[in-house]
Amino acid sequence: TVLMCRGKAMRDFKGPDCRFVNFKKGEAVYVYYKLIGESTELWAGSVGSDFGYFPKDLLEINHNYSNEELELPTDVSLICS
């Protein structure tokens, strides 16, 4: 897995289920995947030790780590435990 970029949350986000990662305004969010297909508005990444999806428009990118973008089809989903 390649770390693509880091951003700062522009506002609080609470996801609808366990596949999403929650964060507070100002927290650092690390992006690993950009989704393609039906969910292009979602990215996948981590906040602390939590990993999940979040809306890309809530993130202000402040550092790019890789020019190589890793895109996943939207039928690849995280499993809720």
C-alpha atoms as a PDB file:
ATOM      1  CA  THR A   1       0.000   0.000   0.000  1.00  0.00           C
ATOM      2  CA  VAL A   2       1.373   3.383  -1.017  1.00  0.00           C
ATOM      3  CA  LEU A   3       0.612   6.492   1.002  1.00  0.00           C
ATOM      4  CA  MET A   4      -0.627   8.982  -1.606  1.00  0.00           C
ATOM      5  CA  CYS A   5      -1.135  12.169   0.349  1.00  0.00           C
ATOM      6  CA  ARG A   6      -1.921  13.746   3.683  1.00  0.00           C
ATOM      7  CA  GLY A   7      -4.580  16.309   4.348  1.00  0.00           C
ATOM      8  CA  LYS A   8      -6.366  18.187   7.066  1.00  0.00           C
ATOM      9  CA  ALA A   9     -10.044  17.606   7.793  1.00  0.00           C
ATOM     10  CA  MET A  10     -12.000  20.767   6.960  1.00  0.00           C
ATOM     11  CA  ARG A  11     -14.921  19.733   9.179  1.00  0.00           C
ATOM     12  CA  ASP A  12     -16.144  16.895  11.371  1.00  0.00           C
ATOM     13  CA  PHE A  13     -17.276  13.700   9.632  1.00  0.00           C
ATOM     14  CA  LYS A  14     -19.188  10.734  11.030  1.00  0.00           C
ATOM     15  CA  GLY A  15     -19.694   7.923   8.533  1.00  0.00           C
ATOM     16  CA  PRO A  16     -22.965   6.023   8.090  1.00  0.00           C
ATOM     17  CA  ASP A  17     -21.420   2.645   9.015  1.00  0.00           C
ATOM     18  CA  CYS A  18     -18.197   0.883  10.021  1.00  0.00           C
ATOM     19  CA  ARG A  19     -16.683   1.048   6.523  1.00  0.00           C
ATOM     20  CA  PHE A  20     -16.151   4.776   7.024  1.00  0.00           C
ATOM     21  CA  VAL A  21     -13.538   6.522   9.124  1.00  0.00           C
ATOM     22  CA  ASN A  22     -14.689   9.301  11.455  1.00  0.00           C
ATOM     23  CA  PHE A  23     -12.672  12.438  12.088  1.00  0.00           C
ATOM     24  CA  LYS A  24     -12.818  15.879  13.647  1.00  0.00           C
ATOM     25  CA  LYS A  25     -12.054  19.195  11.982  1.00  0.00           C
ATOM     26  CA  GLY A  26      -8.295  19.805  11.893  1.00  0.00           C
ATOM     27  CA  GLU A  27      -7.251  16.150  12.234  1.00  0.00           C
ATOM     28  CA  ALA A  28      -4.613  14.726   9.888  1.00  0.00           C
ATOM     29  CA  VAL A  29      -6.027  12.252   7.349  1.00  0.00           C
ATOM     30  CA  TYR A  30      -3.753   9.955   5.312  1.00  0.00           C
ATOM     31  CA  VAL A  31      -5.011   8.913   1.860  1.00  0.00           C
ATOM     32  CA  TYR A  32      -4.161   5.464   0.424  1.00  0.00           C
ATOM     33  CA  TYR A  33      -6.807   4.882  -2.265  1.00  0.00           C
ATOM     34  CA  LYS A  34      -9.032   6.936  -4.538  1.00  0.00           C
ATOM     35  CA  LEU A  35     -12.179   5.071  -5.555  1.00  0.00           C
ATOM     36  CA  ILE A  36     -13.367   4.847  -9.153  1.00  0.00           C
ATOM     37  CA  GLY A  37     -16.699   3.852 -10.644  1.00  0.00           C
ATOM     38  CA  GLU A  38     -19.869   4.849  -8.831  1.00  0.00           C
ATOM     39  CA  SER A  39     -18.139   6.265  -5.734  1.00  0.00           C
ATOM     40  CA  THR A  40     -15.573   8.683  -7.159  1.00  0.00           C
ATOM     41  CA  GLU A  41     -16.407  11.145  -4.379  1.00  0.00           C
ATOM     42  CA  LEU A  42     -14.926   8.727  -1.811  1.00  0.00           C
ATOM     43  CA  TRP A  43     -11.320   8.165  -0.856  1.00  0.00           C
ATOM     44  CA  ALA A  44      -9.972   5.568   1.571  1.00  0.00           C
ATOM     45  CA  GLY A  45      -7.462   6.363   4.251  1.00  0.00           C
ATOM     46  CA  SER A  46      -6.623   6.484   7.911  1.00  0.00           C
ATOM     47  CA  VAL A  47      -6.977   8.733  10.917  1.00  0.00           C
ATOM     48  CA  GLY A  48      -4.824   7.469  13.759  1.00  0.00           C
ATOM     49  CA  SER A  49      -5.272   3.677  13.831  1.00  0.00           C
ATOM     50  CA  ASP A  50      -8.701   3.767  12.137  1.00  0.00           C
ATOM     51  CA  PHE A  51      -9.067   3.039   8.403  1.00  0.00           C
ATOM     52  CA  GLY A  52     -12.039   3.604   6.132  1.00  0.00           C
ATOM     53  CA  TYR A  53     -13.789   5.643   3.483  1.00  0.00           C
ATOM     54  CA  PHE A  54     -14.540   9.365   3.635  1.00  0.00           C
ATOM     55  CA  PRO A  55     -15.756  12.086   1.226  1.00  0.00           C
ATOM     56  CA  LYS A  56     -12.766  13.571  -0.575  1.00  0.00           C
ATOM     57  CA  ASP A  57     -14.231  17.084  -0.531  1.00  0.00           C
ATOM     58  CA  LEU A  58     -13.802  17.234   3.271  1.00  0.00           C
ATOM     59  CA  LEU A  59     -10.027  17.104   2.948  1.00  0.00           C
ATOM     60  CA  GLU A  60      -7.597  19.939   2.324  1.00  0.00           C
ATOM     61  CA  ILE A  61      -4.481  18.292   0.854  1.00  0.00           C
ATOM     62  CA  ASN A  62      -1.303  19.668   2.379  1.00  0.00           C
ATOM     63  CA  HIS A  63       1.319  17.112   1.367  1.00  0.00           C
ATOM     64  CA  ASN A  64       1.635  14.711  -1.581  1.00  0.00           C
ATOM     65  CA  TYR A  65       3.781  11.612  -1.009  1.00  0.00           C
ATOM     66  CA  SER A  66       3.361   9.844  -4.340  1.00  0.00           C
ATOM     67  CA  ASN A  67       2.530  10.866  -7.891  1.00  0.00           C
ATOM     68  CA  GLU A  68       1.353   7.314  -8.482  1.00  0.00           C
ATOM     69  CA  GLU A  69      -2.389   7.136  -7.893  1.00  0.00           C
ATOM     70  CA  LEU A  70      -3.876   3.855  -6.741  1.00  0.00           C
ATOM     71  CA  GLU A  71      -7.522   3.552  -7.714  1.00  0.00           C
ATOM     72  CA  LEU A  72      -9.877   0.810  -6.571  1.00  0.00           C
ATOM     73  CA  PRO A  73     -13.171  -0.156  -8.216  1.00  0.00           C
ATOM     74  CA  THR A  74     -16.082   0.597  -5.920  1.00  0.00           C
ATOM     75  CA  ASP A  75     -17.076  -3.061  -5.629  1.00  0.00           C
ATOM     76  CA  VAL A  76     -14.015  -3.594  -3.423  1.00  0.00           C
ATOM     77  CA  SER A  77     -15.371  -2.926   0.041  1.00  0.00           C
ATOM     78  CA  LEU A  78     -14.225  -3.185   3.623  1.00  0.00           C
ATOM     79  CA  ILE A  79     -15.848  -5.858   5.759  1.00  0.00           C
ATOM     80  CA  CYS A  80     -17.711  -4.739   8.880  1.00  0.00           C
ATOM     81  CA  SER A  81     -16.842  -6.867  11.869  1.00  0.00           C
END
